[in-house]
Structures are given as C-alpha cells and as structure tokens.
C-alpha cells in the first residue's frame, strides 16, 4: 500500500471533524506537561470541543478548498486542532484560560464561523462569553423590566387600590 493510501483515512477523519464545525482553532502546545494536557483535554471534552494532534501536512490536505484553509499558514511546529460544532467561542476561550498559566500553550489562529482570525483575533474571540452565559444575560435583561412592572403593580395593590383621581 502506498503512503498516500495509508494517510487518506486520517485526512478523512480530519474532514469529518471539521464538517459542520463553527470553529477550528490551531494551538501550539510544545512543552505542556501531561497533567496540564489532561486537565485541558477534560475541560475541552466537557464543553463539546474535539482536541487532537495531527501532522500539519495532513491538516493542510484536509482543509484545502474549504472555509478552514485560512489556518494553513499557522501549521508550523507542533500544532493541535481544537474544533467545536456547537459553541464558536469555546475552543479559544478554554485554551486562552489555560494559556494564562501555561506559558508554552498558545493560540496560533483559527476560523470562527467562516472567518479567519490570527492569534490576536483569537484572543479577542476568547474574551466573548459562551453561549450559555450570553443566553442567561439575555434572559436576565428580558426579565428585569417585567419584574419591575410586577413590583409596581404589587405596590399599587398593597396601597389598597388607591387610584389617581379621574379627570372629568
């Protein structure tokens, strides 16, 4: 069997991981300890992020002609791929959190919802709250006026229904 034929299943696996993905982030990980890597992978997995290490050439083959081909220039040195199909900011947010304590861990770049961002852009994406937090903030802002209105009605009811004088 030729080497190309042996590598094709891996390229197909990468394509499958990227199919329908909202975000794909390239990560430099050289020098991370096993304990740090285990904790990082656990949190990524809990948040629905696929985190794998592939050869750069195989990632390059898999992303050619797709919306993820913007990451090709980032594929130098040791590179891991973090992919999320449900939360566009999760990979960058979690990796950025760990990178604060792990000097050797860094965001190289990535594609989020079809747009390529370099390392600086990914840091800004990492600052965006997750979907659940954004939804809870939205819900809180929607509930606030309703709760205030209910309090006003309750206060009016407690005063014994005193109404303002009617104009004749």
C-alpha atoms as a PDB file:
ATOM      1  CA  UNK A   1       0.000   0.000   0.000  1.00  0.00           C
ATOM      2  CA  UNK A   2       1.329   3.461  -0.870  1.00  0.00           C
ATOM      3  CA  UNK A   3       1.943   6.020   1.875  1.00  0.00           C
ATOM      4  CA  UNK A   4      -0.775   8.270   0.439  1.00  0.00           C
ATOM      5  CA  UNK A   5      -3.337   5.477   0.785  1.00  0.00           C
ATOM      6  CA  UNK A   6      -2.324   4.922   4.421  1.00  0.00           C
ATOM      7  CA  UNK A   7      -2.743   8.609   5.225  1.00  0.00           C
ATOM      8  CA  UNK A   8      -6.079   9.109   3.459  1.00  0.00           C
ATOM      9  CA  UNK A   9      -8.166   7.733   6.379  1.00  0.00           C
ATOM     10  CA  UNK A  10      -6.565  10.326   8.681  1.00  0.00           C
ATOM     11  CA  UNK A  11      -7.299  13.126   6.197  1.00  0.00           C
ATOM     12  CA  UNK A  12     -10.892  11.852   6.010  1.00  0.00           C
ATOM     13  CA  UNK A  13     -11.079  11.845   9.837  1.00  0.00           C
ATOM     14  CA  UNK A  14      -9.962  15.489   9.937  1.00  0.00           C
ATOM     15  CA  UNK A  15     -12.520  16.385   7.255  1.00  0.00           C
ATOM     16  CA  UNK A  16     -15.197  14.641   9.311  1.00  0.00           C
ATOM     17  CA  UNK A  17     -14.229  16.561  12.438  1.00  0.00           C
ATOM     18  CA  UNK A  18     -14.360  19.867  10.536  1.00  0.00           C
ATOM     19  CA  UNK A  19     -17.657  19.072   8.774  1.00  0.00           C
ATOM     20  CA  UNK A  20     -20.297  21.350  10.282  1.00  0.00           C
ATOM     21  CA  UNK A  21     -17.844  22.953  12.704  1.00  0.00           C
ATOM     22  CA  UNK A  22     -18.459  26.501  13.922  1.00  0.00           C
ATOM     23  CA  UNK A  23     -14.831  26.975  14.966  1.00  0.00           C
ATOM     24  CA  UNK A  24     -11.436  25.402  14.332  1.00  0.00           C
ATOM     25  CA  UNK A  25      -8.502  26.736  16.330  1.00  0.00           C
ATOM     26  CA  UNK A  26      -4.818  25.889  15.877  1.00  0.00           C
ATOM     27  CA  UNK A  27      -2.888  25.546  19.117  1.00  0.00           C
ATOM     28  CA  UNK A  28       0.820  25.497  19.900  1.00  0.00           C
ATOM     29  CA  UNK A  29       1.327  23.045  22.733  1.00  0.00           C
ATOM     30  CA  UNK A  30       5.037  22.135  22.825  1.00  0.00           C
ATOM     31  CA  UNK A  31       6.281  21.920  26.418  1.00  0.00           C
ATOM     32  CA  UNK A  32       2.937  21.293  28.146  1.00  0.00           C
ATOM     33  CA  UNK A  33       3.056  18.665  30.902  1.00  0.00           C
ATOM     34  CA  UNK A  34       0.937  15.518  30.878  1.00  0.00           C
ATOM     35  CA  UNK A  35      -1.045  16.737  33.908  1.00  0.00           C
ATOM     36  CA  UNK A  36      -1.752  20.112  32.261  1.00  0.00           C
ATOM     37  CA  UNK A  37      -2.703  18.422  28.992  1.00  0.00           C
ATOM     38  CA  UNK A  38      -5.057  16.021  30.779  1.00  0.00           C
ATOM     39  CA  UNK A  39      -6.884  18.872  32.551  1.00  0.00           C
ATOM     40  CA  UNK A  40      -7.112  20.887  29.324  1.00  0.00           C
ATOM     41  CA  UNK A  41      -8.459  17.952  27.321  1.00  0.00           C
ATOM     42  CA  UNK A  42     -11.011  17.134  30.043  1.00  0.00           C
ATOM     43  CA  UNK A  43     -12.445  20.648  30.067  1.00  0.00           C
ATOM     44  CA  UNK A  44     -12.479  20.828  26.276  1.00  0.00           C
ATOM     45  CA  UNK A  45     -14.296  17.475  26.094  1.00  0.00           C
ATOM     46  CA  UNK A  46     -16.853  18.610  28.712  1.00  0.00           C
ATOM     47  CA  UNK A  47     -17.613  21.622  26.510  1.00  0.00           C
ATOM     48  CA  UNK A  48     -18.046  19.579  23.332  1.00  0.00           C
ATOM     49  CA  UNK A  49     -14.686  20.546  21.814  1.00  0.00           C
ATOM     50  CA  UNK A  50     -12.693  17.970  19.853  1.00  0.00           C
ATOM     51  CA  UNK A  51      -8.963  18.402  20.553  1.00  0.00           C
ATOM     52  CA  UNK A  52      -6.496  16.325  18.567  1.00  0.00           C
ATOM     53  CA  UNK A  53      -2.943  16.428  17.304  1.00  0.00           C
ATOM     54  CA  UNK A  54      -2.394  15.658  13.631  1.00  0.00           C
ATOM     55  CA  UNK A  55       0.539  16.130  11.290  1.00  0.00           C
ATOM     56  CA  UNK A  56       0.482  19.584   9.734  1.00  0.00           C
ATOM     57  CA  UNK A  57       0.638  18.165   6.213  1.00  0.00           C
ATOM     58  CA  UNK A  58      -2.465  16.044   6.831  1.00  0.00           C
ATOM     59  CA  UNK A  59      -4.392  19.014   8.234  1.00  0.00           C
ATOM     60  CA  UNK A  60      -3.322  21.028   5.196  1.00  0.00           C
ATOM     61  CA  UNK A  61      -4.679  18.341   2.853  1.00  0.00           C
ATOM     62  CA  UNK A  62      -7.936  18.136   4.777  1.00  0.00           C
ATOM     63  CA  UNK A  63      -8.649  21.886   4.759  1.00  0.00           C
ATOM     64  CA  UNK A  64      -7.695  22.598   1.128  1.00  0.00           C
ATOM     65  CA  UNK A  65     -10.637  24.180  -0.660  1.00  0.00           C
ATOM     66  CA  UNK A  66     -12.739  24.526   2.492  1.00  0.00           C
ATOM     67  CA  UNK A  67     -13.635  27.520   4.662  1.00  0.00           C
ATOM     68  CA  UNK A  68     -10.889  26.366   7.042  1.00  0.00           C
ATOM     69  CA  UNK A  69      -7.998  26.775   4.592  1.00  0.00           C
ATOM     70  CA  UNK A  70      -7.089  30.065   6.299  1.00  0.00           C
ATOM     71  CA  UNK A  71      -5.337  28.117   9.068  1.00  0.00           C
ATOM     72  CA  UNK A  72      -2.683  26.678   6.721  1.00  0.00           C
ATOM     73  CA  UNK A  73      -0.087  29.435   7.470  1.00  0.00           C
ATOM     74  CA  UNK A  74      -0.439  28.616  11.199  1.00  0.00           C
ATOM     75  CA  UNK A  75       0.538  24.985  10.640  1.00  0.00           C
ATOM     76  CA  UNK A  76       4.179  25.237  11.653  1.00  0.00           C
ATOM     77  CA  UNK A  77       5.803  23.377  14.516  1.00  0.00           C
ATOM     78  CA  UNK A  78       3.792  21.342  16.998  1.00  0.00           C
ATOM     79  CA  UNK A  79       0.140  22.028  16.300  1.00  0.00           C
ATOM     80  CA  UNK A  80      -3.051  20.718  17.834  1.00  0.00           C
ATOM     81  CA  UNK A  81      -6.505  21.316  16.409  1.00  0.00           C
ATOM     82  CA  UNK A  82      -9.452  22.288  18.634  1.00  0.00           C
ATOM     83  CA  UNK A  83     -12.840  22.087  16.909  1.00  0.00           C
ATOM     84  CA  UNK A  84     -16.334  22.902  18.134  1.00  0.00           C
ATOM     85  CA  UNK A  85     -19.573  22.246  16.315  1.00  0.00           C
ATOM     86  CA  UNK A  86     -21.828  23.830  18.946  1.00  0.00           C
ATOM     87  CA  UNK A  87     -20.067  26.816  20.568  1.00  0.00           C
ATOM     88  CA  UNK A  88     -17.984  29.033  18.293  1.00  0.00           C
ATOM     89  CA  UNK A  89     -16.031  30.618  21.148  1.00  0.00           C
ATOM     90  CA  UNK A  90     -15.437  27.565  23.359  1.00  0.00           C
ATOM     91  CA  UNK A  91     -12.099  26.364  21.912  1.00  0.00           C
ATOM     92  CA  UNK A  92     -10.473  29.810  22.046  1.00  0.00           C
ATOM     93  CA  UNK A  93     -11.991  30.651  25.441  1.00  0.00           C
ATOM     94  CA  UNK A  94     -10.850  27.448  27.163  1.00  0.00           C
ATOM     95  CA  UNK A  95      -7.389  27.337  25.614  1.00  0.00           C
ATOM     96  CA  UNK A  96      -6.855  31.010  26.404  1.00  0.00           C
ATOM     97  CA  UNK A  97      -7.827  30.343  30.033  1.00  0.00           C
ATOM     98  CA  UNK A  98      -5.200  27.614  30.323  1.00  0.00           C
ATOM     99  CA  UNK A  99      -2.596  29.639  28.390  1.00  0.00           C
ATOM    100  CA  UNK A 100      -2.588  32.224  31.214  1.00  0.00           C
ATOM    101  CA  UNK A 101      -0.946  29.633  33.484  1.00  0.00           C
ATOM    102  CA  UNK A 102       0.883  27.541  30.875  1.00  0.00           C
ATOM    103  CA  UNK A 103       3.486  29.627  29.085  1.00  0.00           C
ATOM    104  CA  UNK A 104       4.094  27.047  26.352  1.00  0.00           C
ATOM    105  CA  UNK A 105       0.414  26.854  25.344  1.00  0.00           C
ATOM    106  CA  UNK A 106      -0.730  29.417  22.784  1.00  0.00           C
ATOM    107  CA  UNK A 107      -3.419  30.164  20.237  1.00  0.00           C
ATOM    108  CA  UNK A 108      -1.915  30.338  16.749  1.00  0.00           C
ATOM    109  CA  UNK A 109      -5.058  31.301  14.853  1.00  0.00           C
ATOM    110  CA  UNK A 110      -8.324  29.854  13.710  1.00  0.00           C
ATOM    111  CA  UNK A 111     -11.515  30.063  11.751  1.00  0.00           C
ATOM    112  CA  UNK A 112     -14.697  31.037  13.550  1.00  0.00           C
ATOM    113  CA  UNK A 113     -17.973  30.884  11.627  1.00  0.00           C
ATOM    114  CA  UNK A 114     -16.157  31.055   8.292  1.00  0.00           C
ATOM    115  CA  UNK A 115     -13.787  33.944   9.114  1.00  0.00           C
ATOM    116  CA  UNK A 116     -10.052  33.518   9.731  1.00  0.00           C
ATOM    117  CA  UNK A 117      -8.533  35.223  12.794  1.00  0.00           C
ATOM    118  CA  UNK A 118      -4.839  35.429  13.666  1.00  0.00           C
ATOM    119  CA  UNK A 119      -3.534  34.922  17.228  1.00  0.00           C
ATOM    120  CA  UNK A 120      -4.577  38.439  18.326  1.00  0.00           C
ATOM    121  CA  UNK A 121      -8.034  37.991  16.829  1.00  0.00           C
ATOM    122  CA  UNK A 122      -8.407  34.661  18.602  1.00  0.00           C
ATOM    123  CA  UNK A 123      -7.576  36.340  21.925  1.00  0.00           C
ATOM    124  CA  UNK A 124     -10.459  38.744  21.316  1.00  0.00           C
ATOM    125  CA  UNK A 125     -12.762  35.833  20.420  1.00  0.00           C
ATOM    126  CA  UNK A 126     -11.679  34.132  23.659  1.00  0.00           C
ATOM    127  CA  UNK A 127     -12.987  37.131  25.613  1.00  0.00           C
ATOM    128  CA  UNK A 128     -16.517  36.598  24.260  1.00  0.00           C
ATOM    129  CA  UNK A 129     -18.675  34.754  26.819  1.00  0.00           C
ATOM    130  CA  UNK A 130     -20.027  31.329  25.978  1.00  0.00           C
ATOM    131  CA  UNK A 131     -23.450  30.674  24.507  1.00  0.00           C
ATOM    132  CA  UNK A 132     -24.988  29.667  27.835  1.00  0.00           C
ATOM    133  CA  UNK A 133     -23.723  32.800  29.577  1.00  0.00           C
ATOM    134  CA  UNK A 134     -24.958  35.032  26.751  1.00  0.00           C
ATOM    135  CA  UNK A 135     -28.394  33.389  26.879  1.00  0.00           C
ATOM    136  CA  UNK A 136     -28.605  33.844  30.645  1.00  0.00           C
ATOM    137  CA  UNK A 137     -27.635  37.512  30.282  1.00  0.00           C
ATOM    138  CA  UNK A 138     -30.319  37.954  27.623  1.00  0.00           C
ATOM    139  CA  UNK A 139     -32.897  36.252  29.797  1.00  0.00           C
ATOM    140  CA  UNK A 140     -31.891  38.426  32.755  1.00  0.00           C
ATOM    141  CA  UNK A 141     -32.237  41.601  30.720  1.00  0.00           C
ATOM    142  CA  UNK A 142     -35.659  40.489  29.461  1.00  0.00           C
ATOM    143  CA  UNK A 143     -36.866  39.600  32.948  1.00  0.00           C
ATOM    144  CA  UNK A 144     -35.769  42.850  34.562  1.00  0.00           C
ATOM    145  CA  UNK A 145     -38.480  45.130  33.091  1.00  0.00           C
ATOM    146  CA  UNK A 146     -41.157  42.510  33.740  1.00  0.00           C
ATOM    147  CA  UNK A 147     -40.047  42.115  37.373  1.00  0.00           C
ATOM    148  CA  UNK A 148     -40.045  45.899  37.860  1.00  0.00           C
ATOM    149  CA  UNK A 149     -43.535  46.168  36.383  1.00  0.00           C
ATOM    150  CA  UNK A 150     -44.762  43.383  38.678  1.00  0.00           C
ATOM    151  CA  UNK A 151     -43.306  45.195  41.718  1.00  0.00           C
ATOM    152  CA  UNK A 152     -45.107  48.416  40.756  1.00  0.00           C
ATOM    153  CA  UNK A 153     -48.398  46.547  40.361  1.00  0.00           C
ATOM    154  CA  UNK A 154     -47.841  44.860  43.710  1.00  0.00           C
ATOM    155  CA  UNK A 155     -47.189  48.199  45.425  1.00  0.00           C
ATOM    156  CA  UNK A 156     -50.364  49.653  43.914  1.00  0.00           C
ATOM    157  CA  UNK A 157     -52.329  46.645  45.152  1.00  0.00           C
ATOM    158  CA  UNK A 158     -50.831  46.946  48.661  1.00  0.00           C
ATOM    159  CA  UNK A 159     -51.900  50.593  48.949  1.00  0.00           C
ATOM    160  CA  UNK A 160     -55.456  49.355  48.813  1.00  0.00           C
ATOM    161  CA  UNK A 161     -56.073  50.147  45.233  1.00  0.00           C
ATOM    162  CA  UNK A 162     -55.892  53.903  45.718  1.00  0.00           C
ATOM    163  CA  UNK A 163     -56.216  55.202  42.242  1.00  0.00           C
ATOM    164  CA  UNK A 164     -55.314  58.587  40.941  1.00  0.00           C
ATOM    165  CA  UNK A 165     -58.248  60.985  40.698  1.00  0.00           C
ATOM    166  CA  UNK A 166     -60.036  60.787  37.404  1.00  0.00           C
ATOM    167  CA  UNK A 167     -60.270  63.891  35.244  1.00  0.00           C
ATOM    168  CA  UNK A 168     -63.822  64.870  34.476  1.00  0.00           C
END
